[in-house]
Amino acid sequence: MPSRDPRIDKYIASSPAFAQPILSALRAAVHAGCPSVEETMKWGRPHFTHHGLLCGMSAFKAHCAFGFWKGSLLVPKGAPAERDGMGQFGRLARVADLPSRSAIVALVRAAAVLNEKGVPSPGRAKVVKRAPPRAPDYLKVALAANAKARDFFATLSPSGKRDYIEWLAEAKRPETRALRLKTTLAWLAESKSRNWKYERPPRG
C-alpha cells in the first residue's frame, strides 16, 4: 500500500478548486513511477522522498508548480517551461498543462535512480573553508606594543580578525595604512570590532 501523508490530503483539499485535480494527478504519477516513495511536508509544501528528496509540488492562487530536486539532470536547462515559473514545468493552471502521465512516470523513475546511485544535486558547491587570517608583520609589531589592543584582538573570531586585516591591506598609500593602523589599535584597545558602528547595542 503506498505511503500517504494525511497532511498532503489536507493540502490538496484546501487548495483552489482548479489546483486539486492537478495536484492529485501529480501525486498519482509520482507513486506510479516510484511505488516505494514516501510523502512529507517541507517548507509548507508537499514533497516526495526516496533516498533523499525526489520532487515537490505547490499550489498558488492561479497556478501550480512541480519540480524535481535534481531537475537539471532530467529536464534540459533553459527549456521554455523551466523559464516560466517555479519547477521544471512552468505554470500549471489546468490538468492539460501537465506532461503526459507516462512522461511524468518516466521522469520519476529516472529521478529515483539518481537518488539510489547517490548522484549529488548539481549546482550545490561545497563550502570552502577559509584559512585562518594571518596578521601582517606591521600589525603584529604594533599589537606587541599595545597590550589592550593585543588582548582584545586575540578574542576576535577569525572573521573579526579578517575584517581588520583586510581593511589594513586595502590601503593603497602608506599614509592611509598608517592612519588605519592607528585607528585599528585605538578601536581594539576599546574592545571594538572593525564594524562596531553598525552593530546593534545589546538589549538591557
Protein backbone atom coordinates (compact mmCIF):
# COMPACT_ATOMS: atom_id res chain seq x y z
CA MET A 1 0.00 0.00 0.00
CA PRO A 2 1.50 3.40 -0.99
CA SER A 3 2.65 5.63 1.86
CA ARG A 4 0.26 8.57 2.16
CA ASP A 5 0.74 11.60 4.37
CA PRO A 6 -2.58 12.98 5.65
CA ARG A 7 -1.07 16.45 5.63
CA ILE A 8 -0.88 16.26 1.85
CA ASP A 9 -4.52 15.16 1.71
CA LYS A 10 -5.36 18.29 3.68
CA TYR A 11 -3.11 20.45 1.49
CA ILE A 12 -4.83 19.29 -1.69
CA ALA A 13 -8.31 19.63 -0.20
CA SER A 14 -7.61 23.19 0.93
CA SER A 15 -6.07 24.25 -2.41
CA PRO A 16 -8.07 26.23 -5.01
CA ALA A 17 -10.56 24.13 -6.99
CA PHE A 18 -8.52 24.34 -10.21
CA ALA A 19 -5.43 23.03 -8.40
CA GLN A 20 -6.91 19.95 -6.78
CA PRO A 21 -7.04 17.72 -9.89
CA ILE A 22 -3.55 18.87 -10.92
CA LEU A 23 -2.04 18.01 -7.55
CA SER A 24 -3.90 14.71 -7.40
CA ALA A 25 -2.68 13.73 -10.88
CA LEU A 26 0.91 14.61 -9.97
CA ARG A 27 0.70 12.67 -6.73
CA ALA A 28 -0.63 9.59 -8.52
CA ALA A 29 2.07 9.79 -11.20
CA VAL A 30 4.83 10.03 -8.59
CA HIS A 31 3.57 6.92 -6.82
CA ALA A 32 3.29 5.11 -10.14
CA GLY A 33 6.88 5.98 -11.02
CA CYS A 34 8.28 5.10 -7.59
CA PRO A 35 5.98 2.80 -5.58
CA SER A 36 8.27 2.99 -2.53
CA VAL A 37 8.22 6.79 -2.45
CA GLU A 38 7.40 8.45 0.86
CA GLU A 39 5.38 11.61 1.32
CA THR A 40 6.23 14.51 3.58
CA MET A 41 5.71 18.24 4.01
CA LYS A 42 8.71 20.55 3.70
CA TRP A 43 8.63 24.34 3.68
CA GLY A 44 4.86 24.08 3.92
CA ARG A 45 4.52 22.19 0.61
CA PRO A 46 4.10 18.54 -0.41
CA HIS A 47 7.32 16.70 -1.16
CA PHE A 48 8.21 13.14 -2.09
CA THR A 49 11.33 11.34 -0.90
CA HIS A 50 13.22 8.24 -1.97
CA HIS A 51 16.80 8.01 -0.72
CA GLY A 52 16.58 11.76 -0.28
CA LEU A 53 14.39 14.47 -1.74
CA LEU A 54 12.87 13.44 -5.05
CA CYS A 55 10.36 16.10 -6.10
CA GLY A 56 7.77 18.52 -4.79
CA MET A 57 4.62 20.33 -5.81
CA SER A 58 2.91 23.56 -4.84
CA ALA A 59 -0.39 25.34 -5.37
CA PHE A 60 -0.65 29.11 -5.76
CA LYS A 61 -3.57 31.44 -6.40
CA ALA A 62 -3.67 30.93 -10.16
CA HIS A 63 -1.29 28.08 -10.93
CA CYS A 64 0.55 25.04 -9.61
CA ALA A 65 4.22 24.12 -9.81
CA PHE A 66 6.01 20.78 -9.87
CA GLY A 67 9.73 20.14 -9.87
CA PHE A 68 12.42 17.57 -9.26
CA TRP A 69 15.18 18.16 -6.74
CA LYS A 70 17.73 17.20 -9.40
CA GLY A 71 15.68 18.63 -12.25
CA SER A 72 18.59 19.96 -14.27
CA LEU A 73 19.76 16.37 -14.72
CA LEU A 74 16.34 15.33 -16.01
CA VAL A 75 14.88 18.30 -17.91
CA PRO A 76 17.01 20.35 -20.37
CA LYS A 77 18.13 23.59 -18.78
CA GLY A 78 16.55 26.68 -20.29
CA ALA A 79 13.54 24.84 -21.68
CA PRO A 80 10.57 27.22 -22.19
CA ALA A 81 8.59 25.66 -19.36
CA GLU A 82 11.52 25.93 -16.98
CA ARG A 83 11.82 29.67 -17.60
CA ASP A 84 8.12 30.25 -16.94
CA GLY A 85 7.59 29.79 -13.24
CA MET A 86 8.90 27.58 -10.47
CA GLY A 87 9.95 23.98 -11.09
CA GLN A 88 10.70 22.40 -14.44
CA PHE A 89 7.20 22.52 -15.94
CA GLY A 90 6.21 26.16 -15.73
CA ARG A 91 2.87 27.48 -14.53
CA LEU A 92 0.33 24.67 -14.40
CA ALA A 93 -3.17 26.13 -14.47
CA ARG A 94 -5.05 23.03 -15.65
CA VAL A 95 -4.52 19.31 -15.99
CA ALA A 96 -3.96 19.75 -19.72
CA ASP A 97 -0.83 21.79 -18.94
CA LEU A 98 0.82 18.71 -17.44
CA PRO A 99 3.14 16.48 -19.49
CA SER A 100 1.61 13.10 -20.26
CA ARG A 101 1.29 10.72 -17.32
CA SER A 102 3.78 8.36 -18.95
CA ALA A 103 6.31 11.18 -19.29
CA ILE A 104 6.00 12.13 -15.61
CA VAL A 105 6.24 8.50 -14.54
CA ALA A 106 9.41 8.07 -16.62
CA LEU A 107 10.99 11.17 -15.06
CA VAL A 108 10.09 9.98 -11.56
CA ARG A 109 11.76 6.64 -12.26
CA ALA A 110 14.86 8.38 -13.56
CA ALA A 111 14.96 10.70 -10.53
CA ALA A 112 14.64 7.70 -8.20
CA VAL A 113 17.61 6.02 -9.88
CA LEU A 114 19.72 9.18 -9.44
CA ASN A 115 18.98 9.15 -5.72
CA GLU A 116 19.62 5.42 -5.41
CA LYS A 117 23.03 5.89 -7.02
CA GLY A 118 23.82 8.81 -4.75
CA VAL A 119 24.26 11.29 -7.59
CA PRO A 120 24.69 14.72 -5.95
CA SER A 121 22.44 17.64 -6.74
CA PRO A 122 24.03 19.89 -9.39
CA GLY A 123 24.95 23.43 -8.62
CA ARG A 124 25.43 22.85 -4.92
CA ALA A 125 29.01 23.90 -4.45
CA LYS A 126 30.88 22.63 -1.44
CA VAL A 127 31.61 25.21 1.21
CA VAL A 128 35.30 26.04 1.05
CA LYS A 129 36.78 26.50 4.48
CA ARG A 130 38.90 29.65 4.54
CA ALA A 131 42.32 29.53 6.10
CA PRO A 132 42.73 31.40 9.39
CA PRO A 133 43.64 35.05 8.77
CA ARG A 134 47.35 35.89 9.09
CA ALA A 135 48.21 39.23 10.59
CA PRO A 136 50.87 41.16 8.67
CA ASP A 137 54.16 41.82 10.42
CA TYR A 138 53.49 45.55 10.93
CA LEU A 139 50.25 44.71 12.76
CA LYS A 140 52.00 42.11 14.93
CA VAL A 141 54.64 44.66 15.92
CA ALA A 142 52.00 47.27 16.74
CA LEU A 143 49.95 44.81 18.80
CA ALA A 144 53.04 43.69 20.71
CA ALA A 145 53.39 47.26 21.97
CA ASN A 146 49.73 47.65 22.94
CA ALA A 147 48.54 45.08 25.48
CA LYS A 148 44.87 46.11 25.48
CA ALA A 149 44.63 46.00 21.70
CA ARG A 150 46.56 42.73 21.55
CA ASP A 151 44.40 41.02 24.16
CA PHE A 152 41.12 42.03 22.50
CA PHE A 153 42.37 41.11 19.03
CA ALA A 154 43.13 37.62 20.35
CA THR A 155 39.49 37.21 21.44
CA LEU A 156 38.07 38.05 18.00
CA SER A 157 36.67 35.32 15.77
CA PRO A 158 38.56 34.52 12.55
CA SER A 159 36.12 36.68 10.60
CA GLY A 160 36.52 39.50 13.12
CA LYS A 161 40.29 39.40 12.73
CA ARG A 162 39.96 39.19 8.95
CA ASP A 163 37.84 42.36 8.92
CA TYR A 164 40.71 44.36 10.42
CA ILE A 165 43.46 42.65 8.41
CA GLU A 166 41.70 43.13 5.07
CA TRP A 167 40.84 46.76 5.89
CA LEU A 168 44.50 47.46 6.50
CA ALA A 169 45.58 45.58 3.37
CA GLU A 170 43.16 47.57 1.20
CA ALA A 171 45.01 50.81 1.93
CA LYS A 172 46.82 51.83 -1.26
CA ARG A 173 49.05 54.52 0.22
CA PRO A 174 51.48 54.14 3.15
CA GLU A 175 49.93 57.20 4.77
CA THR A 176 46.46 55.67 4.59
CA ARG A 177 47.68 52.39 6.01
CA ALA A 178 49.43 54.17 8.89
CA LEU A 179 46.24 56.08 9.71
CA ARG A 180 44.17 52.89 9.58
CA LEU A 181 46.68 51.09 11.78
CA LYS A 182 46.42 53.87 14.37
CA THR A 183 42.62 53.66 14.23
CA THR A 184 42.77 49.87 14.48
CA LEU A 185 44.84 49.99 17.66
CA ALA A 186 42.54 52.59 19.21
CA TRP A 187 39.40 50.60 18.46
CA LEU A 188 40.91 47.33 19.63
CA ALA A 189 42.03 48.94 22.85
CA GLU A 190 38.41 50.00 23.37
CA SER A 191 37.23 46.41 22.68
CA LYS A 192 35.58 47.40 19.42
CA SER A 193 35.21 45.28 16.30
CA ARG A 194 36.03 46.69 12.86
CA ASN A 195 32.33 47.32 12.15
CA TRP A 196 31.33 48.39 15.64
CA LYS A 197 29.48 51.46 14.31
CA TYR A 198 26.96 49.21 12.57
CA GLU A 199 26.41 46.72 15.35
CA ARG A 200 23.24 46.84 17.42
CA PRO A 201 23.84 47.64 21.06
CA PRO A 202 22.97 44.78 23.44
CA ARG A 203 19.50 44.89 24.94
CA GLY A 204 19.32 45.84 28.55
